[in-house]
Amino acid sequence: MNSLADSVSAVVLILMLIAVGYIMGRIGLMKKEHKSFVIKLLVNISVPCMCIHNVFTDFSVELIKSAGALLLTPMLFNIAMILIALAVAKAMKISRKRFGGFVVMCAMSNSLFVGYPVCTELFGAEGTPYVMCFYMMNTFFFWAIGATMIYMSAGESRLSIKEIGKKLASPPLISLLAAVALLLMGFKLPSLLESFTKYMGNTVTPLALIYIGLLIYETGLKNLKPDAGILVVSGMRFIISPLIMLLMCRIFNIGGMAQSVFMIEAAMPVMTQSVVVSAYAGADEKYNALGMGFTSILCLIAVPVLMLIFG
């Protein structure tokens, strides 16, 4: 599924799901207190089930054993994007309270809550292994470096190794690594668990996109007015980021669906987690929420263009 018509159709479907969340927020069916439940359900149950089911249905021992370049590419991509984002933030003289959040918005993608639904609609189940490879590296760098920078922007000290370890030990990442280990050991998922993880995993796409719609409603469409910093973030997300990923794919000779998935994942909007961590740390969470809302809407235009050029 790589034609312009197919990508536009996929984006329209995603927009419809986002609109459900927006409308439910507007008419009062979903409220601020419901966000915590949705996130807890996604992070602790739905996404882990999705990871487990996808590993046992879409991965193979051969693919995992040959995944070196598929992990190295997003790893070096994240390092490159962080260095570029740091240089841009310093050149623009971003204020201290926004500095860490700005770097994270520029450098890191919403690889799961938006990236997974987009890639599922565009590439089907065949693209899932590549999504998981990108997700692992993106998650690691966010908690190891991105979250630390956000805390430091709020005037906090650097996160300790123990604290970073706790953040990295999230249910989705643990379930993904555990499933890969079990698959390598020859374990087969019982049919009952396979059905359960399939049904729960299928809730990720609609719930995640409905949640994004609710966040956009809370931010307010009239408030999605980008300043120079948010415009730069958008340029980093949808122009610089896919170009850097294309360069990495060329260096490591990665093509076909793997390259397409990596490039789409690289061009996803601002991470939802950056808003959550900014609020928790006492940084400028409203600025991150603005970046997330604006880039989530802009993503609906960027994806068809990228598929037209590189699909």
C-alpha atoms as a PDB file:
ATOM      1  CA  MET A   1       0.000   0.000   0.000  1.00  0.00           C
ATOM      2  CA  ASN A   2       2.189   2.796  -1.226  1.00  0.00           C
ATOM      3  CA  SER A   3       0.203   4.857  -3.689  1.00  0.00           C
ATOM      4  CA  LEU A   4      -0.846   8.407  -2.993  1.00  0.00           C
ATOM      5  CA  ALA A   5      -4.515   7.379  -2.972  1.00  0.00           C
ATOM      6  CA  ASP A   6      -3.869   4.652  -0.420  1.00  0.00           C
ATOM      7  CA  SER A   7      -1.881   6.960   1.864  1.00  0.00           C
ATOM      8  CA  VAL A   8      -4.563   9.661   1.678  1.00  0.00           C
ATOM      9  CA  SER A   9      -7.202   7.048   2.497  1.00  0.00           C
ATOM     10  CA  ALA A  10      -5.179   5.848   5.494  1.00  0.00           C
ATOM     11  CA  VAL A  11      -4.712   9.403   6.751  1.00  0.00           C
ATOM     12  CA  VAL A  12      -8.426  10.161   6.360  1.00  0.00           C
ATOM     13  CA  LEU A  13      -9.238   7.076   8.423  1.00  0.00           C
ATOM     14  CA  ILE A  14      -6.814   8.214  11.119  1.00  0.00           C
ATOM     15  CA  LEU A  15      -8.327  11.704  10.999  1.00  0.00           C
ATOM     16  CA  MET A  16     -11.789  10.197  11.521  1.00  0.00           C
ATOM     17  CA  LEU A  17     -10.597   8.362  14.634  1.00  0.00           C
ATOM     18  CA  ILE A  18      -8.935  11.517  15.967  1.00  0.00           C
ATOM     19  CA  ALA A  19     -12.188  13.380  15.283  1.00  0.00           C
ATOM     20  CA  VAL A  20     -14.056  10.880  17.478  1.00  0.00           C
ATOM     21  CA  GLY A  21     -11.876  11.883  20.441  1.00  0.00           C
ATOM     22  CA  TYR A  22     -12.236  15.570  19.621  1.00  0.00           C
ATOM     23  CA  ILE A  23     -16.030  15.362  19.347  1.00  0.00           C
ATOM     24  CA  MET A  24     -16.372  13.245  22.492  1.00  0.00           C
ATOM     25  CA  GLY A  25     -14.373  15.859  24.368  1.00  0.00           C
ATOM     26  CA  ARG A  26     -16.415  18.688  22.925  1.00  0.00           C
ATOM     27  CA  ILE A  27     -19.798  17.178  23.872  1.00  0.00           C
ATOM     28  CA  GLY A  28     -18.576  16.057  27.282  1.00  0.00           C
ATOM     29  CA  LEU A  29     -18.513  12.271  26.787  1.00  0.00           C
ATOM     30  CA  MET A  30     -14.790  12.278  27.517  1.00  0.00           C
ATOM     31  CA  LYS A  31     -13.322  14.526  30.177  1.00  0.00           C
ATOM     32  CA  LYS A  32      -9.928  15.326  31.635  1.00  0.00           C
ATOM     33  CA  GLU A  33     -10.247  12.646  34.308  1.00  0.00           C
ATOM     34  CA  HIS A  34     -10.740   9.970  31.635  1.00  0.00           C
ATOM     35  CA  LYS A  35      -7.289  10.555  30.125  1.00  0.00           C
ATOM     36  CA  SER A  36      -5.538   8.773  32.958  1.00  0.00           C
ATOM     37  CA  PHE A  37      -7.648   5.635  32.459  1.00  0.00           C
ATOM     38  CA  VAL A  38      -7.032   5.559  28.703  1.00  0.00           C
ATOM     39  CA  ILE A  39      -3.268   5.965  29.110  1.00  0.00           C
ATOM     40  CA  LYS A  40      -3.094   3.322  31.861  1.00  0.00           C
ATOM     41  CA  LEU A  41      -5.087   0.878  29.738  1.00  0.00           C
ATOM     42  CA  LEU A  42      -2.886   1.510  26.704  1.00  0.00           C
ATOM     43  CA  VAL A  43       0.479   1.413  28.468  1.00  0.00           C
ATOM     44  CA  ASN A  44      -0.185  -1.428  30.912  1.00  0.00           C
ATOM     45  CA  ILE A  45      -2.441  -3.795  28.943  1.00  0.00           C
ATOM     46  CA  SER A  46      -3.221  -2.972  25.313  1.00  0.00           C
ATOM     47  CA  VAL A  47       0.264  -2.092  24.054  1.00  0.00           C
ATOM     48  CA  PRO A  48       1.993  -5.002  25.874  1.00  0.00           C
ATOM     49  CA  CYS A  49      -0.587  -7.381  24.383  1.00  0.00           C
ATOM     50  CA  MET A  50       0.010  -5.862  20.952  1.00  0.00           C
ATOM     51  CA  CYS A  51       3.767  -6.339  21.350  1.00  0.00           C
ATOM     52  CA  ILE A  52       3.399  -9.967  22.428  1.00  0.00           C
ATOM     53  CA  HIS A  53       0.941 -10.853  19.668  1.00  0.00           C
ATOM     54  CA  ASN A  54       2.960  -9.126  16.959  1.00  0.00           C
ATOM     55  CA  VAL A  55       6.215 -10.799  17.968  1.00  0.00           C
ATOM     56  CA  PHE A  56       4.713 -14.282  17.799  1.00  0.00           C
ATOM     57  CA  THR A  57       2.790 -13.667  14.566  1.00  0.00           C
ATOM     58  CA  ASP A  58       4.992 -11.273  12.577  1.00  0.00           C
ATOM     59  CA  PHE A  59       8.535 -11.961  13.803  1.00  0.00           C
ATOM     60  CA  SER A  60      10.720 -14.949  13.024  1.00  0.00           C
ATOM     61  CA  VAL A  61      13.900 -16.250  14.609  1.00  0.00           C
ATOM     62  CA  GLU A  62      15.738 -15.501  11.381  1.00  0.00           C
ATOM     63  CA  LEU A  63      14.525 -11.900  11.319  1.00  0.00           C
ATOM     64  CA  ILE A  64      15.530 -11.289  14.933  1.00  0.00           C
ATOM     65  CA  LYS A  65      18.980 -12.792  14.439  1.00  0.00           C
ATOM     66  CA  SER A  66      19.552 -10.554  11.412  1.00  0.00           C
ATOM     67  CA  ALA A  67      18.130  -7.397  13.034  1.00  0.00           C
ATOM     68  CA  GLY A  68      21.493  -5.757  13.731  1.00  0.00           C
ATOM     69  CA  ALA A  69      21.215  -3.074  11.037  1.00  0.00           C
ATOM     70  CA  LEU A  70      17.487  -2.678  11.737  1.00  0.00           C
ATOM     71  CA  LEU A  71      18.334  -1.627  15.299  1.00  0.00           C
ATOM     72  CA  LEU A  72      21.578   0.215  14.527  1.00  0.00           C
ATOM     73  CA  THR A  73      19.882   2.479  11.980  1.00  0.00           C
ATOM     74  CA  PRO A  74      17.264   3.993  14.358  1.00  0.00           C
ATOM     75  CA  MET A  75      19.880   4.122  17.125  1.00  0.00           C
ATOM     76  CA  LEU A  76      22.284   6.285  15.094  1.00  0.00           C
ATOM     77  CA  PHE A  77      19.329   8.247  13.727  1.00  0.00           C
ATOM     78  CA  ASN A  78      18.255   9.200  17.263  1.00  0.00           C
ATOM     79  CA  ILE A  79      21.793  10.232  18.186  1.00  0.00           C
ATOM     80  CA  ALA A  80      22.077  12.391  15.066  1.00  0.00           C
ATOM     81  CA  MET A  81      18.685  14.033  15.658  1.00  0.00           C
ATOM     82  CA  ILE A  82      19.493  14.837  19.292  1.00  0.00           C
ATOM     83  CA  LEU A  83      22.785  16.497  18.286  1.00  0.00           C
ATOM     84  CA  ILE A  84      21.085  18.527  15.542  1.00  0.00           C
ATOM     85  CA  ALA A  85      18.235  19.526  17.893  1.00  0.00           C
ATOM     86  CA  LEU A  86      20.716  20.665  20.547  1.00  0.00           C
ATOM     87  CA  ALA A  87      22.529  22.839  18.013  1.00  0.00           C
ATOM     88  CA  VAL A  88      19.242  24.333  16.789  1.00  0.00           C
ATOM     89  CA  ALA A  89      18.013  25.029  20.348  1.00  0.00           C
ATOM     90  CA  LYS A  90      21.247  26.823  21.233  1.00  0.00           C
ATOM     91  CA  ALA A  91      21.238  28.796  17.973  1.00  0.00           C
ATOM     92  CA  MET A  92      17.651  29.928  18.620  1.00  0.00           C
ATOM     93  CA  LYS A  93      18.460  30.719  22.272  1.00  0.00           C
ATOM     94  CA  ILE A  94      15.485  28.722  23.539  1.00  0.00           C
ATOM     95  CA  SER A  95      14.685  29.603  27.163  1.00  0.00           C
ATOM     96  CA  ARG A  96      15.835  27.203  29.854  1.00  0.00           C
ATOM     97  CA  LYS A  97      12.341  26.085  30.871  1.00  0.00           C
ATOM     98  CA  ARG A  98      11.538  25.124  27.273  1.00  0.00           C
ATOM     99  CA  PHE A  99      15.008  23.907  26.251  1.00  0.00           C
ATOM    100  CA  GLY A 100      14.698  20.192  27.040  1.00  0.00           C
ATOM    101  CA  GLY A 101      11.150  19.954  25.713  1.00  0.00           C
ATOM    102  CA  PHE A 102      12.173  21.741  22.515  1.00  0.00           C
ATOM    103  CA  VAL A 103      15.037  19.308  21.911  1.00  0.00           C
ATOM    104  CA  VAL A 104      12.744  16.311  22.496  1.00  0.00           C
ATOM    105  CA  MET A 105      10.067  17.726  20.181  1.00  0.00           C
ATOM    106  CA  CYS A 106      12.646  18.225  17.428  1.00  0.00           C
ATOM    107  CA  ALA A 107      14.487  14.929  17.846  1.00  0.00           C
ATOM    108  CA  MET A 108      11.992  12.212  18.818  1.00  0.00           C
ATOM    109  CA  SER A 109       8.888  10.778  17.203  1.00  0.00           C
ATOM    110  CA  ASN A 110       5.512   9.660  18.512  1.00  0.00           C
ATOM    111  CA  SER A 111       6.474   6.211  17.285  1.00  0.00           C
ATOM    112  CA  LEU A 112       3.781   4.219  19.084  1.00  0.00           C
ATOM    113  CA  PHE A 113       0.531   6.108  19.683  1.00  0.00           C
ATOM    114  CA  VAL A 114       0.559   7.719  16.221  1.00  0.00           C
ATOM    115  CA  GLY A 115       3.342   5.890  14.369  1.00  0.00           C
ATOM    116  CA  TYR A 116       1.969   2.406  14.913  1.00  0.00           C
ATOM    117  CA  PRO A 117      -1.586   3.198  13.665  1.00  0.00           C
ATOM    118  CA  VAL A 118      -0.229   5.088  10.658  1.00  0.00           C
ATOM    119  CA  CYS A 119       2.172   2.298   9.682  1.00  0.00           C
ATOM    120  CA  THR A 120      -0.489  -0.369  10.259  1.00  0.00           C
ATOM    121  CA  GLU A 121      -2.835   1.379   7.850  1.00  0.00           C
ATOM    122  CA  LEU A 122      -0.120   2.027   5.283  1.00  0.00           C
ATOM    123  CA  PHE A 123       1.849  -1.234   5.360  1.00  0.00           C
ATOM    124  CA  GLY A 124      -0.274  -3.801   7.212  1.00  0.00           C
ATOM    125  CA  ALA A 125       1.109  -6.386   9.607  1.00  0.00           C
ATOM    126  CA  GLU A 126       4.242  -6.823   7.485  1.00  0.00           C
ATOM    127  CA  GLY A 127       5.529  -3.476   8.681  1.00  0.00           C
ATOM    128  CA  THR A 128       5.144  -4.232  12.392  1.00  0.00           C
ATOM    129  CA  PRO A 129       8.649  -5.696  13.008  1.00  0.00           C
ATOM    130  CA  TYR A 130      10.235  -2.510  11.667  1.00  0.00           C
ATOM    131  CA  VAL A 131       7.905  -0.369  13.793  1.00  0.00           C
ATOM    132  CA  MET A 132       9.027  -2.323  16.871  1.00  0.00           C
ATOM    133  CA  CYS A 133      12.717  -1.840  16.017  1.00  0.00           C
ATOM    134  CA  PHE A 134      12.233   1.914  15.732  1.00  0.00           C
ATOM    135  CA  TYR A 135      10.074   2.010  18.863  1.00  0.00           C
ATOM    136  CA  MET A 136      12.723   0.278  21.010  1.00  0.00           C
ATOM    137  CA  MET A 137      15.438   2.781  20.104  1.00  0.00           C
ATOM    138  CA  ASN A 138      13.113   5.793  20.276  1.00  0.00           C
ATOM    139  CA  THR A 139      11.883   4.785  23.744  1.00  0.00           C
ATOM    140  CA  PHE A 140      15.383   4.141  25.061  1.00  0.00           C
ATOM    141  CA  PHE A 141      16.716   7.550  23.963  1.00  0.00           C
ATOM    142  CA  PHE A 142      13.655   9.385  25.244  1.00  0.00           C
ATOM    143  CA  TRP A 143      13.981   8.062  28.793  1.00  0.00           C
ATOM    144  CA  ALA A 144      17.778   7.969  28.866  1.00  0.00           C
ATOM    145  CA  ILE A 145      18.367  11.439  27.391  1.00  0.00           C
ATOM    146  CA  GLY A 146      15.137  13.261  26.506  1.00  0.00           C
ATOM    147  CA  ALA A 147      13.387  12.971  29.871  1.00  0.00           C
ATOM    148  CA  THR A 148      16.605  13.884  31.670  1.00  0.00           C
ATOM    149  CA  MET A 149      16.879  17.080  29.614  1.00  0.00           C
ATOM    150  CA  ILE A 150      13.258  17.994  30.405  1.00  0.00           C
ATOM    151  CA  TYR A 151      13.902  17.532  34.140  1.00  0.00           C
ATOM    152  CA  MET A 152      17.025  19.678  33.902  1.00  0.00           C
ATOM    153  CA  SER A 153      15.024  22.389  32.090  1.00  0.00           C
ATOM    154  CA  ALA A 154      12.684  22.493  35.074  1.00  0.00           C
ATOM    155  CA  GLY A 155      15.628  23.088  37.383  1.00  0.00           C
ATOM    156  CA  GLU A 156      15.838  19.494  38.555  1.00  0.00           C
ATOM    157  CA  SER A 157      19.027  17.498  38.806  1.00  0.00           C
ATOM    158  CA  ARG A 158      19.907  14.877  36.263  1.00  0.00           C
ATOM    159  CA  LEU A 159      17.945  11.625  36.555  1.00  0.00           C
ATOM    160  CA  SER A 160      19.885   8.882  38.306  1.00  0.00           C
ATOM    161  CA  ILE A 161      20.735   5.593  36.602  1.00  0.00           C
ATOM    162  CA  LYS A 162      18.207   3.899  38.890  1.00  0.00           C
ATOM    163  CA  GLU A 163      15.459   6.348  37.908  1.00  0.00           C
ATOM    164  CA  ILE A 164      16.241   5.966  34.203  1.00  0.00           C
ATOM    165  CA  GLY A 165      16.134   2.185  34.645  1.00  0.00           C
ATOM    166  CA  LYS A 166      12.683   2.420  36.210  1.00  0.00           C
ATOM    167  CA  LYS A 167      11.414   4.549  33.348  1.00  0.00           C
ATOM    168  CA  LEU A 168      12.876   2.223  30.721  1.00  0.00           C
ATOM    169  CA  ALA A 169      11.256  -0.749  32.458  1.00  0.00           C
ATOM    170  CA  SER A 170       7.860   0.138  31.027  1.00  0.00           C
ATOM    171  CA  PRO A 171       5.316  -2.658  30.390  1.00  0.00           C
ATOM    172  CA  PRO A 172       5.445  -2.251  26.576  1.00  0.00           C
ATOM    173  CA  LEU A 173       9.237  -2.481  26.385  1.00  0.00           C
ATOM    174  CA  ILE A 174       9.418  -5.334  28.911  1.00  0.00           C
ATOM    175  CA  SER A 175       6.722  -7.302  27.098  1.00  0.00           C
ATOM    176  CA  LEU A 176       8.445  -6.742  23.754  1.00  0.00           C
ATOM    177  CA  LEU A 177      11.842  -7.926  24.995  1.00  0.00           C
ATOM    178  CA  ALA A 178      10.306 -10.869  26.895  1.00  0.00           C
ATOM    179  CA  ALA A 179       8.339 -11.987  23.833  1.00  0.00           C
ATOM    180  CA  VAL A 180      11.456 -11.820  21.647  1.00  0.00           C
ATOM    181  CA  ALA A 181      13.406 -13.877  24.212  1.00  0.00           C
ATOM    182  CA  LEU A 182      10.656 -16.496  24.411  1.00  0.00           C
ATOM    183  CA  LEU A 183      10.432 -16.715  20.623  1.00  0.00           C
ATOM    184  CA  LEU A 184      14.194 -17.274  20.379  1.00  0.00           C
ATOM    185  CA  MET A 185      13.856 -20.075  22.946  1.00  0.00           C
ATOM    186  CA  GLY A 186      11.266 -21.792  20.772  1.00  0.00           C
ATOM    187  CA  PHE A 187       8.223 -20.949  22.918  1.00  0.00           C
ATOM    188  CA  LYS A 188       4.864 -20.981  21.123  1.00  0.00           C
ATOM    189  CA  LEU A 189       2.021 -18.808  22.303  1.00  0.00           C
ATOM    190  CA  PRO A 190      -1.043 -20.905  23.349  1.00  0.00           C
ATOM    191  CA  SER A 191      -4.087 -20.297  21.143  1.00  0.00           C
ATOM    192  CA  LEU A 192      -6.100 -18.814  24.036  1.00  0.00           C
ATOM    193  CA  LEU A 193      -3.349 -16.273  24.823  1.00  0.00           C
ATOM    194  CA  GLU A 194      -2.901 -15.577  21.138  1.00  0.00           C
ATOM    195  CA  SER A 195      -6.589 -14.673  20.823  1.00  0.00           C
ATOM    196  CA  PHE A 196      -6.536 -12.576  24.013  1.00  0.00           C
ATOM    197  CA  THR A 197      -3.452 -10.603  23.006  1.00  0.00           C
ATOM    198  CA  LYS A 198      -4.887 -10.104  19.514  1.00  0.00           C
ATOM    199  CA  TYR A 199      -8.166  -8.644  20.782  1.00  0.00           C
ATOM    200  CA  MET A 200      -6.488  -6.411  23.366  1.00  0.00           C
ATOM    201  CA  GLY A 201      -3.793  -5.350  20.897  1.00  0.00           C
ATOM    202  CA  ASN A 202      -6.457  -4.317  18.405  1.00  0.00           C
ATOM    203  CA  THR A 203      -7.615  -1.620  20.836  1.00  0.00           C
ATOM    204  CA  VAL A 204      -4.322   0.280  20.562  1.00  0.00           C
ATOM    205  CA  THR A 205      -5.033   2.076  17.291  1.00  0.00           C
ATOM    206  CA  PRO A 206      -8.527   3.452  18.062  1.00  0.00           C
ATOM    207  CA  LEU A 207      -7.785   4.266  21.708  1.00  0.00           C
ATOM    208  CA  ALA A 208      -4.494   6.023  20.932  1.00  0.00           C
ATOM    209  CA  LEU A 209      -5.991   8.145  18.169  1.00  0.00           C
ATOM    210  CA  ILE A 210      -9.116   8.973  20.192  1.00  0.00           C
ATOM    211  CA  TYR A 211      -6.776  10.078  22.989  1.00  0.00           C
ATOM    212  CA  ILE A 212      -4.877  12.333  20.569  1.00  0.00           C
ATOM    213  CA  GLY A 213      -8.202  13.834  19.490  1.00  0.00           C
ATOM    214  CA  LEU A 214      -9.099  14.584  23.101  1.00  0.00           C
ATOM    215  CA  LEU A 215      -5.717  16.257  23.665  1.00  0.00           C
ATOM    216  CA  ILE A 216      -6.222  18.423  20.580  1.00  0.00           C
ATOM    217  CA  TYR A 217      -9.666  19.416  21.884  1.00  0.00           C
ATOM    218  CA  GLU A 218      -8.198  20.326  25.285  1.00  0.00           C
ATOM    219  CA  THR A 219      -5.465  22.388  23.649  1.00  0.00           C
ATOM    220  CA  GLY A 220      -8.089  24.092  21.486  1.00  0.00           C
ATOM    221  CA  LEU A 221      -7.897  24.487  17.733  1.00  0.00           C
ATOM    222  CA  LYS A 222      -7.827  28.265  18.113  1.00  0.00           C
ATOM    223  CA  ASN A 223      -4.787  27.929  20.368  1.00  0.00           C
ATOM    224  CA  LEU A 224      -2.810  25.910  17.841  1.00  0.00           C
ATOM    225  CA  LYS A 225      -1.021  29.019  16.653  1.00  0.00           C
ATOM    226  CA  PRO A 226       2.665  28.183  16.207  1.00  0.00           C
ATOM    227  CA  ASP A 227       5.440  30.580  17.077  1.00  0.00           C
ATOM    228  CA  ALA A 228       8.858  30.471  15.434  1.00  0.00           C
ATOM    229  CA  GLY A 229       9.984  27.645  17.727  1.00  0.00           C
ATOM    230  CA  ILE A 230       7.024  25.400  16.884  1.00  0.00           C
ATOM    231  CA  LEU A 231       7.508  26.087  13.172  1.00  0.00           C
ATOM    232  CA  VAL A 232      11.138  24.985  13.535  1.00  0.00           C
ATOM    233  CA  VAL A 233       9.971  21.870  15.409  1.00  0.00           C
ATOM    234  CA  SER A 234       7.613  21.110  12.523  1.00  0.00           C
ATOM    235  CA  GLY A 235      10.427  21.503  10.016  1.00  0.00           C
ATOM    236  CA  MET A 236      12.607  19.179  12.060  1.00  0.00           C
ATOM    237  CA  ARG A 237       9.810  16.597  12.375  1.00  0.00           C
ATOM    238  CA  PHE A 238       8.646  16.504   8.766  1.00  0.00           C
ATOM    239  CA  ILE A 239      11.645  17.596   6.683  1.00  0.00           C
ATOM    240  CA  ILE A 240      14.975  17.150   8.468  1.00  0.00           C
ATOM    241  CA  SER A 241      14.031  13.961  10.321  1.00  0.00           C
ATOM    242  CA  PRO A 242      12.966  11.864   7.283  1.00  0.00           C
ATOM    243  CA  LEU A 243      15.964  13.141   5.321  1.00  0.00           C
ATOM    244  CA  ILE A 244      18.357  12.056   8.086  1.00  0.00           C
ATOM    245  CA  MET A 245      16.612   8.683   8.224  1.00  0.00           C
ATOM    246  CA  LEU A 246      16.906   8.327   4.439  1.00  0.00           C
ATOM    247  CA  LEU A 247      20.635   8.988   4.751  1.00  0.00           C
ATOM    248  CA  MET A 248      20.957   6.351   7.482  1.00  0.00           C
ATOM    249  CA  CYS A 249      19.049   3.811   5.386  1.00  0.00           C
ATOM    250  CA  ARG A 250      21.318   4.459   2.420  1.00  0.00           C
ATOM    251  CA  ILE A 251      24.422   4.078   4.597  1.00  0.00           C
ATOM    252  CA  PHE A 252      23.269   0.713   5.964  1.00  0.00           C
ATOM    253  CA  ASN A 253      21.740  -0.469   2.689  1.00  0.00           C
ATOM    254  CA  ILE A 254      18.202  -0.710   4.060  1.00  0.00           C
ATOM    255  CA  GLY A 255      15.479  -0.474   1.446  1.00  0.00           C
ATOM    256  CA  GLY A 256      11.996  -1.685   0.634  1.00  0.00           C
ATOM    257  CA  MET A 257       9.355  -1.724   3.340  1.00  0.00           C
ATOM    258  CA  ALA A 258      11.913  -1.330   6.148  1.00  0.00           C
ATOM    259  CA  GLN A 259      13.060   2.003   4.707  1.00  0.00           C
ATOM    260  CA  SER A 260       9.478   3.190   4.160  1.00  0.00           C
ATOM    261  CA  VAL A 261       8.439   2.316   7.716  1.00  0.00           C
ATOM    262  CA  PHE A 262      11.530   3.947   9.222  1.00  0.00           C
ATOM    263  CA  MET A 263      10.961   7.138   7.253  1.00  0.00           C
ATOM    264  CA  ILE A 264       7.285   7.361   8.218  1.00  0.00           C
ATOM    265  CA  GLU A 265       8.163   6.688  11.867  1.00  0.00           C
ATOM    266  CA  ALA A 266      10.876   9.350  11.706  1.00  0.00           C
ATOM    267  CA  ALA A 267       8.325  11.881  10.450  1.00  0.00           C
ATOM    268  CA  MET A 268       5.738  11.361  13.190  1.00  0.00           C
ATOM    269  CA  PRO A 269       4.531  14.221  15.425  1.00  0.00           C
ATOM    270  CA  VAL A 270       5.808  15.200  18.866  1.00  0.00           C
ATOM    271  CA  MET A 271       5.796  12.461  21.495  1.00  0.00           C
ATOM    272  CA  THR A 272       2.828  12.380  23.868  1.00  0.00           C
ATOM    273  CA  GLN A 273       5.233  11.369  26.652  1.00  0.00           C
ATOM    274  CA  SER A 274       7.089  14.675  26.313  1.00  0.00           C
ATOM    275  CA  VAL A 275       3.959  16.536  27.413  1.00  0.00           C
ATOM    276  CA  VAL A 276       3.391  14.165  30.343  1.00  0.00           C
ATOM    277  CA  VAL A 277       6.999  14.410  31.564  1.00  0.00           C
ATOM    278  CA  SER A 278       7.053  18.197  31.155  1.00  0.00           C
ATOM    279  CA  ALA A 279       3.939  18.523  33.306  1.00  0.00           C
ATOM    280  CA  TYR A 280       5.331  16.152  35.935  1.00  0.00           C
ATOM    281  CA  ALA A 281       8.737  17.856  36.045  1.00  0.00           C
ATOM    282  CA  GLY A 282       7.366  21.395  36.148  1.00  0.00           C
ATOM    283  CA  ALA A 283       8.748  22.429  32.759  1.00  0.00           C
ATOM    284  CA  ASP A 284       6.686  24.283  30.138  1.00  0.00           C
ATOM    285  CA  GLU A 285       4.158  21.515  29.375  1.00  0.00           C
ATOM    286  CA  LYS A 286       1.816  23.911  27.524  1.00  0.00           C
ATOM    287  CA  TYR A 287       4.544  24.561  24.959  1.00  0.00           C
ATOM    288  CA  ASN A 288       4.999  20.824  24.420  1.00  0.00           C
ATOM    289  CA  ALA A 289       1.220  20.331  24.213  1.00  0.00           C
ATOM    290  CA  LEU A 290       1.083  23.042  21.539  1.00  0.00           C
ATOM    291  CA  GLY A 291       3.884  21.313  19.618  1.00  0.00           C
ATOM    292  CA  MET A 292       2.176  17.938  19.901  1.00  0.00           C
ATOM    293  CA  GLY A 293      -1.216  19.270  18.808  1.00  0.00           C
ATOM    294  CA  PHE A 294       0.126  21.296  15.887  1.00  0.00           C
ATOM    295  CA  THR A 295       2.403  18.544  14.556  1.00  0.00           C
ATOM    296  CA  SER A 296      -0.351  15.917  14.974  1.00  0.00           C
ATOM    297  CA  ILE A 297      -2.549  17.911  12.600  1.00  0.00           C
ATOM    298  CA  LEU A 298       0.331  18.714  10.241  1.00  0.00           C
ATOM    299  CA  CYS A 299       1.185  15.000  10.136  1.00  0.00           C
ATOM    300  CA  LEU A 300      -2.045  14.387   8.223  1.00  0.00           C
ATOM    301  CA  ILE A 301      -0.582  16.423   5.355  1.00  0.00           C
ATOM    302  CA  ALA A 302       3.020  15.256   5.703  1.00  0.00           C
ATOM    303  CA  VAL A 303       2.339  11.501   5.475  1.00  0.00           C
ATOM    304  CA  PRO A 304       0.712  11.508   1.997  1.00  0.00           C
ATOM    305  CA  VAL A 305       3.478  13.802   0.708  1.00  0.00           C
ATOM    306  CA  LEU A 306       6.185  11.484   2.057  1.00  0.00           C
ATOM    307  CA  MET A 307       4.453   8.434   0.582  1.00  0.00           C
ATOM    308  CA  LEU A 308       4.197  10.209  -2.764  1.00  0.00           C
ATOM    309  CA  ILE A 309       7.908  11.068  -2.767  1.00  0.00           C
ATOM    310  CA  PHE A 310       9.443   7.995  -1.136  1.00  0.00           C
ATOM    311  CA  GLY A 311       6.684   5.352  -1.074  1.00  0.00           C
END
